[in-house]
Amino acid sequence: MGKKEIFLSSIVIAAFNNESTILACIESLSRQNLNDAQITVVDDGSKDRTAEIAKRAGAEVISLATNHGSSYALNRGIDKAAGQYVFTLDADAQVPPLMIPKAIEVLRGSGCDVVGGTYIANSRGGRIGELYELYRRVFHTPSKPTVYTGNQDPKVYGTFIGFRREALRDERFDENLRAAYDRELLCRLARKGYRILYSPEVYVYHPSPSSLSSIIRRVWTMGIWTSVVGKKYLGLIKNRLTLASLAVLMLGLAGFDYVIVLPTAIVAHYLMFVAVSLLQKKVNIKFLQALTVGALAVFISMVDVTSLLGFLFSRPKHWK
């Protein structure tokens, strides 16, 4: 048998019915100026032409007979990855030119074991999409590089993550999770002493919700699965538990005709938080937009708290 080829970087993509996006995803990797990159697409039981398109685009394809979920698919790709650096990438994302070399440079320069960042919306989602992007930037996107380790909960988007090979020697994504598996793995790595870097320099392009119903579905799904992970890592759901406690208090106050007090306090809290966050991050946003983003934040937080309660009475697929 010949010696196993070693690559500088391996890119693993989990795909499920992504025939409309997989070609653009792989083509974006061709603009990375990497002569020794290994691109692996794990087709997670797709019923469309995802696998065929990926093969024609030049990627190595691992085809699974049935759909197991992205965590399972990514692990199968990681098992085959032979790169010094291993990147996981969503099949509907696109990587800006030279972003992977930059991520490798950031990893080398920082001495960290994992690097991740954020994403920029690459689809026009209309008014709702624009407001959601502002909400995400204000509430969920750190503005400065941050290193997480120990009992910290890394705030890194799972759309695109880079690992030193050593960080994945004994660890993999939890295959019982259909979502939030990236956050669970990063929390686990941090507690094992690995250093996870959030870098605003590292980003990809990715679709954003374009309707209120799609926002609700995303928040509800992530809320349920984050609750599953939150059983082990309480910090992931700490804020939601606080809001849930406030909701219970509101019901108690209702019996004494004080029900109006708490909703007003919650709204005021969010509007103040929006204002402070905007000032700190210097986001270019108008006053009325800030008010609207604040209202959207209140709505999303209520959906999120409801998903926390829903978690108590429902069991997601692949529950363990």
Protein backbone atom coordinates (compact mmCIF):
# COMPACT_ATOMS: atom_id res chain seq x y z
CA MET A 1 0.00 0.00 0.00
CA GLY A 2 1.19 3.52 -0.79
CA LYS A 3 1.83 6.12 1.83
CA LYS A 4 -1.25 8.14 2.77
CA GLU A 5 -1.17 11.57 1.16
CA ILE A 6 -0.94 14.46 3.61
CA PHE A 7 -2.64 17.76 2.70
CA LEU A 8 -2.21 21.20 4.18
CA SER A 9 -5.98 21.54 4.50
CA SER A 10 -9.03 19.31 4.27
CA ILE A 11 -12.47 20.82 3.72
CA VAL A 12 -15.42 18.66 4.79
CA ILE A 13 -18.92 19.56 3.59
CA ALA A 14 -22.08 17.80 4.80
CA ALA A 15 -24.76 18.03 2.09
CA PHE A 16 -28.41 17.00 2.03
CA ASN A 17 -30.53 17.93 -1.00
CA ASN A 18 -28.21 20.84 -1.83
CA GLU A 19 -28.14 20.60 -5.63
CA SER A 20 -28.97 24.31 -5.90
CA THR A 21 -26.02 25.43 -3.74
CA ILE A 22 -23.28 22.76 -3.77
CA LEU A 23 -21.70 23.85 -7.07
CA ALA A 24 -21.26 27.47 -5.93
CA CYS A 25 -19.89 26.20 -2.62
CA ILE A 26 -17.23 24.02 -4.28
CA GLU A 27 -16.38 26.68 -6.87
CA SER A 28 -15.71 29.15 -4.06
CA LEU A 29 -13.07 26.72 -2.76
CA SER A 30 -11.28 26.84 -6.12
CA ARG A 31 -10.50 30.52 -5.44
CA GLN A 32 -8.47 29.78 -2.30
CA ASN A 33 -5.05 29.46 -3.97
CA LEU A 34 -4.53 26.09 -2.29
CA ASN A 35 -2.61 23.58 -4.39
CA ASP A 36 -2.87 20.78 -1.86
CA ALA A 37 -6.42 20.98 -0.53
CA GLN A 38 -8.61 17.91 -0.02
CA ILE A 39 -12.32 18.64 -0.63
CA THR A 40 -14.77 16.01 0.63
CA VAL A 41 -18.53 16.23 0.24
CA VAL A 42 -20.50 13.79 2.39
CA ASP A 43 -23.85 13.28 0.69
CA ASP A 44 -26.21 12.59 3.58
CA GLY A 45 -28.80 10.49 1.75
CA SER A 46 -29.86 13.20 -0.74
CA LYS A 47 -32.76 12.48 -3.10
CA ASP A 48 -31.62 15.03 -5.69
CA ARG A 49 -28.44 15.45 -7.80
CA THR A 50 -26.20 16.75 -5.01
CA ALA A 51 -23.70 13.88 -5.20
CA GLU A 52 -23.55 13.96 -9.01
CA ILE A 53 -22.92 17.72 -9.11
CA ALA A 54 -20.26 17.51 -6.41
CA LYS A 55 -18.38 14.77 -8.28
CA ARG A 56 -18.47 16.72 -11.55
CA ALA A 57 -17.13 19.75 -9.67
CA GLY A 58 -14.08 17.73 -8.65
CA ALA A 59 -14.85 16.92 -5.01
CA GLU A 60 -14.35 13.54 -3.40
CA VAL A 61 -17.85 12.28 -2.51
CA ILE A 62 -18.85 9.94 0.31
CA SER A 63 -22.44 8.80 -0.27
CA LEU A 64 -24.58 7.68 2.66
CA ALA A 65 -27.57 5.46 1.90
CA THR A 66 -29.88 7.22 4.35
CA ASN A 67 -30.02 10.61 6.05
CA HIS A 68 -28.31 10.60 9.45
CA GLY A 69 -27.87 14.31 10.10
CA SER A 70 -25.01 16.73 9.55
CA SER A 71 -23.09 15.73 12.69
CA TYR A 72 -22.88 12.11 11.51
CA ALA A 73 -21.99 13.14 7.96
CA LEU A 74 -19.25 15.56 9.07
CA ASN A 75 -17.69 12.86 11.25
CA ARG A 76 -17.50 10.48 8.28
CA GLY A 77 -15.68 13.20 6.34
CA ILE A 78 -13.36 14.01 9.23
CA ASP A 79 -12.46 10.31 9.50
CA LYS A 80 -11.18 10.49 5.90
CA ALA A 81 -9.57 13.93 6.19
CA ALA A 82 -5.78 13.92 5.82
CA GLY A 83 -5.06 17.63 6.24
CA GLN A 84 -2.97 19.37 8.85
CA TYR A 85 -5.94 21.73 9.16
CA VAL A 86 -9.52 20.49 8.87
CA PHE A 87 -12.36 22.86 7.95
CA THR A 88 -16.07 22.11 8.20
CA LEU A 89 -18.35 24.08 5.89
CA ASP A 90 -22.09 24.30 5.29
CA ALA A 91 -23.15 23.17 1.81
CA ASP A 92 -25.10 26.40 1.22
CA ALA A 93 -22.17 28.65 2.14
CA GLN A 94 -19.54 30.26 -0.08
CA VAL A 95 -15.98 31.03 0.98
CA PRO A 96 -14.50 34.41 -0.05
CA PRO A 97 -11.26 34.24 -2.08
CA LEU A 98 -8.15 33.40 0.00
CA MET A 99 -10.20 33.02 3.19
CA ILE A 100 -8.90 29.53 4.03
CA PRO A 101 -5.21 30.61 3.80
CA LYS A 102 -6.12 33.58 5.99
CA ALA A 103 -7.80 31.28 8.55
CA ILE A 104 -4.72 29.06 8.60
CA GLU A 105 -2.52 32.13 9.09
CA VAL A 106 -4.75 33.32 11.94
CA LEU A 107 -4.56 29.88 13.59
CA ARG A 108 -0.78 29.75 13.28
CA GLY A 109 -0.30 33.28 14.55
CA SER A 110 -2.67 32.93 17.52
CA GLY A 111 -1.43 29.59 18.81
CA CYS A 112 -5.07 28.49 19.14
CA ASP A 113 -6.48 25.08 18.21
CA VAL A 114 -9.75 26.13 16.57
CA VAL A 115 -10.80 29.23 14.66
CA GLY A 116 -14.20 30.43 13.58
CA GLY A 117 -16.00 33.65 12.92
CA THR A 118 -19.30 34.77 11.48
CA TYR A 119 -21.15 34.86 8.18
CA ILE A 120 -22.40 37.60 5.90
CA ALA A 121 -25.81 37.22 4.29
CA ASN A 122 -25.50 36.61 0.55
CA SER A 123 -29.21 36.63 -0.27
CA ARG A 124 -31.69 39.45 -0.43
CA GLY A 125 -34.19 38.71 2.27
CA GLY A 126 -36.19 41.91 1.86
CA ARG A 127 -37.08 44.06 4.83
CA ILE A 128 -37.29 41.12 7.25
CA GLY A 129 -33.92 39.76 6.14
CA GLU A 130 -32.24 43.14 6.61
CA LEU A 131 -33.69 43.55 10.11
CA TYR A 132 -32.66 40.01 11.06
CA GLU A 133 -29.10 40.70 9.91
CA LEU A 134 -28.99 43.85 12.03
CA TYR A 135 -30.38 41.89 14.99
CA ARG A 136 -27.76 39.15 14.53
CA ARG A 137 -24.89 41.65 14.26
CA VAL A 138 -25.99 43.50 17.39
CA PHE A 139 -26.88 40.55 19.63
CA HIS A 140 -24.87 37.55 18.44
CA THR A 141 -21.72 38.73 16.66
CA PRO A 142 -18.72 39.73 18.80
CA SER A 143 -16.90 42.71 17.38
CA LYS A 144 -13.41 41.83 18.65
CA PRO A 145 -11.20 38.71 18.53
CA THR A 146 -11.86 36.55 21.59
CA VAL A 147 -10.15 33.39 22.85
CA TYR A 148 -12.34 30.87 24.70
CA THR A 149 -11.10 28.04 26.89
CA GLY A 150 -11.99 26.26 30.12
CA ASN A 151 -15.61 26.74 31.22
CA GLN A 152 -16.31 29.44 28.63
CA ASP A 153 -18.94 28.88 25.94
CA PRO A 154 -17.44 29.83 22.55
CA LYS A 155 -19.48 32.30 20.50
CA VAL A 156 -18.41 30.99 17.11
CA TYR A 157 -20.75 30.34 14.15
CA GLY A 158 -20.74 26.71 12.99
CA THR A 159 -21.12 27.65 9.33
CA PHE A 160 -17.33 27.55 8.85
CA ILE A 161 -14.86 26.27 11.46
CA GLY A 162 -11.15 25.48 11.17
CA PHE A 163 -9.43 22.91 13.40
CA ARG A 164 -5.85 21.94 13.92
CA ARG A 165 -5.71 18.21 13.23
CA GLU A 166 -4.70 17.54 16.86
CA ALA A 167 -7.99 18.98 18.18
CA LEU A 168 -9.93 16.28 16.30
CA ARG A 169 -7.66 13.37 17.17
CA ASP A 170 -10.00 12.06 19.91
CA GLU A 171 -13.06 14.32 19.56
CA ARG A 172 -15.92 14.32 17.06
CA PHE A 173 -19.35 15.93 16.69
CA ASP A 174 -22.07 14.35 18.84
CA GLU A 175 -24.05 12.24 16.35
CA ASN A 176 -27.15 12.28 18.59
CA LEU A 177 -27.60 15.98 17.81
CA ARG A 178 -29.34 17.23 14.68
CA ALA A 179 -28.49 20.86 15.44
CA ALA A 180 -26.25 22.76 17.89
CA TYR A 181 -23.66 19.96 17.46
CA ASP A 182 -21.03 22.57 16.60
CA ARG A 183 -21.62 24.48 19.83
CA GLU A 184 -21.50 21.26 21.84
CA LEU A 185 -18.18 20.21 20.33
CA LEU A 186 -16.63 23.64 20.88
CA CYS A 187 -17.77 23.69 24.51
CA ARG A 188 -16.34 20.20 24.99
CA LEU A 189 -13.01 21.16 23.42
CA ALA A 190 -12.79 24.32 25.54
CA ARG A 191 -13.30 22.31 28.72
CA LYS A 192 -10.56 19.90 27.66
CA GLY A 193 -8.12 22.80 27.50
CA TYR A 194 -8.19 23.56 23.78
CA ARG A 195 -8.17 27.24 22.79
CA ILE A 196 -10.99 28.39 20.49
CA LEU A 197 -10.55 31.70 18.71
CA TYR A 198 -13.36 33.88 17.44
CA SER A 199 -11.96 36.11 14.71
CA PRO A 200 -14.07 38.72 12.86
CA GLU A 201 -11.56 38.36 10.00
CA VAL A 202 -12.84 34.82 9.34
CA TYR A 203 -16.22 34.74 7.60
CA VAL A 204 -18.18 33.15 4.77
CA TYR A 205 -21.27 34.08 2.79
CA HIS A 206 -24.45 32.29 3.80
CA PRO A 207 -28.22 32.70 3.23
CA SER A 208 -30.21 34.46 5.93
CA PRO A 209 -33.92 34.01 6.82
CA SER A 210 -36.12 36.04 4.52
CA SER A 211 -39.50 35.77 6.27
CA LEU A 212 -40.91 35.87 9.77
CA SER A 213 -41.97 32.23 9.52
CA SER A 214 -38.42 31.14 8.57
CA ILE A 215 -37.02 33.11 11.53
CA ILE A 216 -39.49 31.39 13.87
CA ARG A 217 -38.55 27.94 12.49
CA ARG A 218 -34.84 28.66 12.89
CA VAL A 219 -35.14 30.06 16.41
CA TRP A 220 -37.48 27.24 17.52
CA THR A 221 -35.30 24.45 16.08
CA MET A 222 -32.05 25.87 17.46
CA GLY A 223 -33.79 26.59 20.76
CA ILE A 224 -34.91 22.97 21.18
CA TRP A 225 -31.50 21.51 20.33
CA THR A 226 -29.57 24.11 22.32
CA SER A 227 -31.71 23.09 25.29
CA VAL A 228 -30.53 19.52 24.77
CA VAL A 229 -26.90 20.69 24.80
CA GLY A 230 -27.66 23.07 27.68
CA LYS A 231 -28.22 20.11 29.98
CA LYS A 232 -24.43 19.71 29.96
CA TYR A 233 -23.40 23.33 29.35
CA LEU A 234 -25.70 25.56 31.35
CA GLY A 235 -24.08 28.76 30.07
CA LEU A 236 -25.65 28.22 26.64
CA ILE A 237 -29.16 28.66 28.06
CA LYS A 238 -28.48 30.94 31.03
CA ASN A 239 -30.12 34.00 29.47
CA ARG A 240 -33.12 31.96 28.34
CA LEU A 241 -33.59 30.58 31.84
CA THR A 242 -33.57 34.15 33.16
CA LEU A 243 -36.25 35.16 30.67
CA ALA A 244 -38.29 32.07 31.49
CA SER A 245 -38.12 33.00 35.17
CA LEU A 246 -39.33 36.49 34.29
CA ALA A 247 -42.24 34.97 32.34
CA VAL A 248 -43.23 32.91 35.38
CA LEU A 249 -43.01 36.03 37.53
CA MET A 250 -45.23 37.84 35.01
CA LEU A 251 -47.90 35.17 35.40
CA GLY A 252 -47.69 35.59 39.16
CA LEU A 253 -48.04 39.35 38.92
CA ALA A 254 -51.08 38.91 36.67
CA GLY A 255 -53.03 37.72 39.68
CA PHE A 256 -52.42 41.07 41.34
CA ASP A 257 -53.23 43.22 38.29
CA TYR A 258 -49.55 44.09 37.74
CA VAL A 259 -49.18 42.15 34.50
CA ILE A 260 -48.33 45.31 32.52
CA VAL A 261 -45.21 46.02 34.57
CA LEU A 262 -42.97 43.16 33.46
CA PRO A 263 -43.58 43.27 29.69
CA THR A 264 -42.77 46.98 29.78
CA ALA A 265 -39.59 46.26 31.74
CA ILE A 266 -38.53 43.54 29.27
CA VAL A 267 -39.09 45.80 26.27
CA ALA A 268 -37.21 48.66 27.94
CA HIS A 269 -34.35 46.30 28.79
CA TYR A 270 -34.01 45.16 25.18
CA LEU A 271 -34.19 48.65 23.74
CA MET A 272 -31.50 49.79 26.17
CA PHE A 273 -29.38 46.75 25.27
CA VAL A 274 -29.77 47.54 21.56
CA ALA A 275 -28.72 51.15 22.11
CA VAL A 276 -25.66 50.20 24.18
CA SER A 277 -24.63 47.47 21.71
CA LEU A 278 -24.94 49.81 18.76
CA LEU A 279 -22.79 52.41 20.47
CA GLN A 280 -20.14 49.85 21.40
CA LYS A 281 -20.00 48.27 17.93
CA LYS A 282 -20.54 51.54 16.06
CA VAL A 283 -23.06 49.91 13.75
CA ASN A 284 -24.41 52.36 11.19
CA ILE A 285 -28.13 52.21 11.94
CA LYS A 286 -30.93 54.76 12.13
CA PHE A 287 -33.01 55.41 15.23
CA LEU A 288 -36.21 53.85 13.85
CA GLN A 289 -34.23 50.82 12.70
CA ALA A 290 -32.86 50.45 16.22
CA LEU A 291 -36.40 50.49 17.61
CA THR A 292 -37.49 47.88 15.08
CA VAL A 293 -34.48 45.68 15.79
CA GLY A 294 -35.30 45.96 19.49
CA ALA A 295 -38.88 44.85 18.83
CA LEU A 296 -37.61 41.93 16.72
CA ALA A 297 -35.24 40.98 19.55
CA VAL A 298 -38.13 40.91 22.04
CA PHE A 299 -40.17 38.73 19.65
CA ILE A 300 -37.28 36.32 19.03
CA SER A 301 -36.54 36.06 22.74
CA MET A 302 -40.17 35.10 23.39
CA VAL A 303 -40.02 32.39 20.70
CA ASP A 304 -36.74 31.21 22.19
CA VAL A 305 -38.19 31.00 25.70
CA THR A 306 -41.21 29.14 24.34
CA SER A 307 -38.84 26.61 22.70
CA LEU A 308 -37.21 26.14 26.11
CA LEU A 309 -40.62 25.23 27.52
CA GLY A 310 -41.36 23.13 24.43
CA PHE A 311 -38.18 21.16 25.11
CA LEU A 312 -39.69 19.99 28.38
CA PHE A 313 -42.64 18.38 26.58
CA SER A 314 -41.13 17.20 23.28
CA ARG A 315 -38.24 14.99 22.26
CA PRO A 316 -36.35 15.79 19.07
CA LYS A 317 -35.43 13.04 16.61
CA HIS A 318 -32.28 11.12 17.66
CA TRP A 319 -33.05 11.99 21.28
CA LYS A 320 -30.74 10.42 23.83
